[in-house]
Amino acid sequence: PEIAAEFISSLPVNGRSGTLKRRAMGLDEGRVRAKTGSINGVSSLAGLVYARSGRIYTFSIILNQVINKDDAVEFENSL
């Protein structure tokens, strides 16, 4: 709890910053804070989604055996 605010504020914001600057994810700008990651054959996205209801949801997507990185990013953005 004592580092939660700092950790959350360090995450990129969809449509605004870092690796999520060009990723709308089908949501309003600013609704997602997440970290991307990739290595050969693996793509991941994990973070928080702020629902219109005010609730906060956490998520983690890890794709293995990725052949095309663009296809993986498109899939992550569609969820």
C-alpha atoms as a PDB file:
ATOM      1  CA  PRO A   1       0.000   0.000   0.000  1.00  0.00           C
ATOM      2  CA  GLU A   2       2.765   2.487   0.762  1.00  0.00           C
ATOM      3  CA  ILE A   3       4.137   2.342  -2.808  1.00  0.00           C
ATOM      4  CA  ALA A   4       0.914   1.704  -4.748  1.00  0.00           C
ATOM      5  CA  ALA A   5       0.363   5.306  -5.851  1.00  0.00           C
ATOM      6  CA  GLU A   6       3.952   5.675  -7.051  1.00  0.00           C
ATOM      7  CA  PHE A   7       3.849   2.349  -8.876  1.00  0.00           C
ATOM      8  CA  ILE A   8       0.561   3.101 -10.625  1.00  0.00           C
ATOM      9  CA  SER A   9       1.663   6.582 -11.645  1.00  0.00           C
ATOM     10  CA  SER A  10       4.833   5.094 -13.185  1.00  0.00           C
ATOM     11  CA  LEU A  11       2.852   2.997 -15.689  1.00  0.00           C
ATOM     12  CA  PRO A  12       2.260   4.296 -19.234  1.00  0.00           C
ATOM     13  CA  VAL A  13      -1.264   5.550 -20.011  1.00  0.00           C
ATOM     14  CA  ASN A  14      -3.177   4.487 -23.122  1.00  0.00           C
ATOM     15  CA  GLY A  15      -3.275   7.214 -25.730  1.00  0.00           C
ATOM     16  CA  ARG A  16      -0.936   9.455 -23.706  1.00  0.00           C
ATOM     17  CA  SER A  17       2.458   8.107 -22.722  1.00  0.00           C
ATOM     18  CA  GLY A  18       5.242   5.613 -23.184  1.00  0.00           C
ATOM     19  CA  THR A  19       4.610   2.329 -24.946  1.00  0.00           C
ATOM     20  CA  LEU A  20       0.843   2.930 -24.823  1.00  0.00           C
ATOM     21  CA  LYS A  21       0.906   6.366 -26.466  1.00  0.00           C
ATOM     22  CA  ARG A  22      -0.295   4.999 -29.810  1.00  0.00           C
ATOM     23  CA  ARG A  23      -2.524   2.287 -28.347  1.00  0.00           C
ATOM     24  CA  ALA A  24      -6.155   3.345 -27.851  1.00  0.00           C
ATOM     25  CA  MET A  25      -7.237  -0.234 -27.041  1.00  0.00           C
ATOM     26  CA  GLY A  26     -10.813   0.548 -28.002  1.00  0.00           C
ATOM     27  CA  LEU A  27     -11.220   2.624 -24.841  1.00  0.00           C
ATOM     28  CA  ASP A  28     -11.243   6.300 -23.969  1.00  0.00           C
ATOM     29  CA  GLU A  29      -7.803   7.819 -23.564  1.00  0.00           C
ATOM     30  CA  GLY A  30      -6.505   7.463 -20.019  1.00  0.00           C
ATOM     31  CA  ARG A  31      -8.564   4.436 -18.971  1.00  0.00           C
ATOM     32  CA  VAL A  32      -5.649   1.973 -19.051  1.00  0.00           C
ATOM     33  CA  ARG A  33      -2.310   2.050 -17.230  1.00  0.00           C
ATOM     34  CA  ALA A  34      -0.130  -0.869 -18.219  1.00  0.00           C
ATOM     35  CA  LYS A  35       3.314  -2.215 -18.954  1.00  0.00           C
ATOM     36  CA  THR A  36       4.202  -3.920 -22.203  1.00  0.00           C
ATOM     37  CA  GLY A  37       6.888  -6.511 -22.601  1.00  0.00           C
ATOM     38  CA  SER A  38       8.314  -8.759 -25.289  1.00  0.00           C
ATOM     39  CA  ILE A  39      11.102 -11.202 -26.007  1.00  0.00           C
ATOM     40  CA  ASN A  40      11.521 -13.553 -28.949  1.00  0.00           C
ATOM     41  CA  GLY A  41       8.193 -15.288 -29.455  1.00  0.00           C
ATOM     42  CA  VAL A  42       6.501 -13.722 -26.425  1.00  0.00           C
ATOM     43  CA  SER A  43       4.377 -10.580 -26.033  1.00  0.00           C
ATOM     44  CA  SER A  44       2.744  -9.361 -22.832  1.00  0.00           C
ATOM     45  CA  LEU A  45       0.603  -6.569 -21.466  1.00  0.00           C
ATOM     46  CA  ALA A  46      -0.348  -6.182 -17.802  1.00  0.00           C
ATOM     47  CA  GLY A  47      -1.917  -3.401 -15.799  1.00  0.00           C
ATOM     48  CA  LEU A  48      -5.115  -1.676 -14.677  1.00  0.00           C
ATOM     49  CA  VAL A  49      -8.346  -0.630 -16.392  1.00  0.00           C
ATOM     50  CA  TYR A  50     -10.497   2.137 -14.907  1.00  0.00           C
ATOM     51  CA  ALA A  51     -14.157   1.284 -15.574  1.00  0.00           C
ATOM     52  CA  ARG A  52     -16.794   3.978 -16.027  1.00  0.00           C
ATOM     53  CA  SER A  53     -18.438   2.636 -12.862  1.00  0.00           C
ATOM     54  CA  GLY A  54     -15.360   3.712 -10.903  1.00  0.00           C
ATOM     55  CA  ARG A  55     -14.128   0.177 -10.330  1.00  0.00           C
ATOM     56  CA  ILE A  56     -10.535  -0.732 -11.104  1.00  0.00           C
ATOM     57  CA  TYR A  57      -9.767  -4.036 -12.797  1.00  0.00           C
ATOM     58  CA  THR A  58      -6.358  -5.654 -13.122  1.00  0.00           C
ATOM     59  CA  PHE A  59      -5.328  -7.785 -16.084  1.00  0.00           C
ATOM     60  CA  SER A  60      -2.412  -9.713 -17.511  1.00  0.00           C
ATOM     61  CA  ILE A  61      -2.093 -11.007 -21.080  1.00  0.00           C
ATOM     62  CA  ILE A  62       0.823 -13.226 -22.047  1.00  0.00           C
ATOM     63  CA  LEU A  63       1.043 -14.559 -25.593  1.00  0.00           C
ATOM     64  CA  ASN A  64       3.501 -17.352 -26.361  1.00  0.00           C
ATOM     65  CA  GLN A  65       4.815 -18.583 -29.733  1.00  0.00           C
ATOM     66  CA  VAL A  66       4.193 -15.171 -31.311  1.00  0.00           C
ATOM     67  CA  ILE A  67       5.183 -15.154 -34.968  1.00  0.00           C
ATOM     68  CA  ASN A  68       4.124 -11.617 -35.876  1.00  0.00           C
ATOM     69  CA  LYS A  69       4.501  -8.908 -33.188  1.00  0.00           C
ATOM     70  CA  ASP A  70       1.963  -6.615 -34.919  1.00  0.00           C
ATOM     71  CA  ASP A  71      -0.666  -9.376 -34.792  1.00  0.00           C
ATOM     72  CA  ALA A  72       0.057  -9.882 -31.083  1.00  0.00           C
ATOM     73  CA  VAL A  73      -0.351  -6.159 -30.339  1.00  0.00           C
ATOM     74  CA  GLU A  74      -3.598  -6.044 -32.335  1.00  0.00           C
ATOM     75  CA  PHE A  75      -4.910  -9.012 -30.325  1.00  0.00           C
ATOM     76  CA  GLU A  76      -3.897  -7.423 -26.997  1.00  0.00           C
ATOM     77  CA  ASN A  77      -5.637  -4.187 -27.969  1.00  0.00           C
ATOM     78  CA  SER A  78      -8.856  -6.037 -28.831  1.00  0.00           C
ATOM     79  CA  LEU A  79      -9.382  -7.613 -25.403  1.00  0.00           C
END
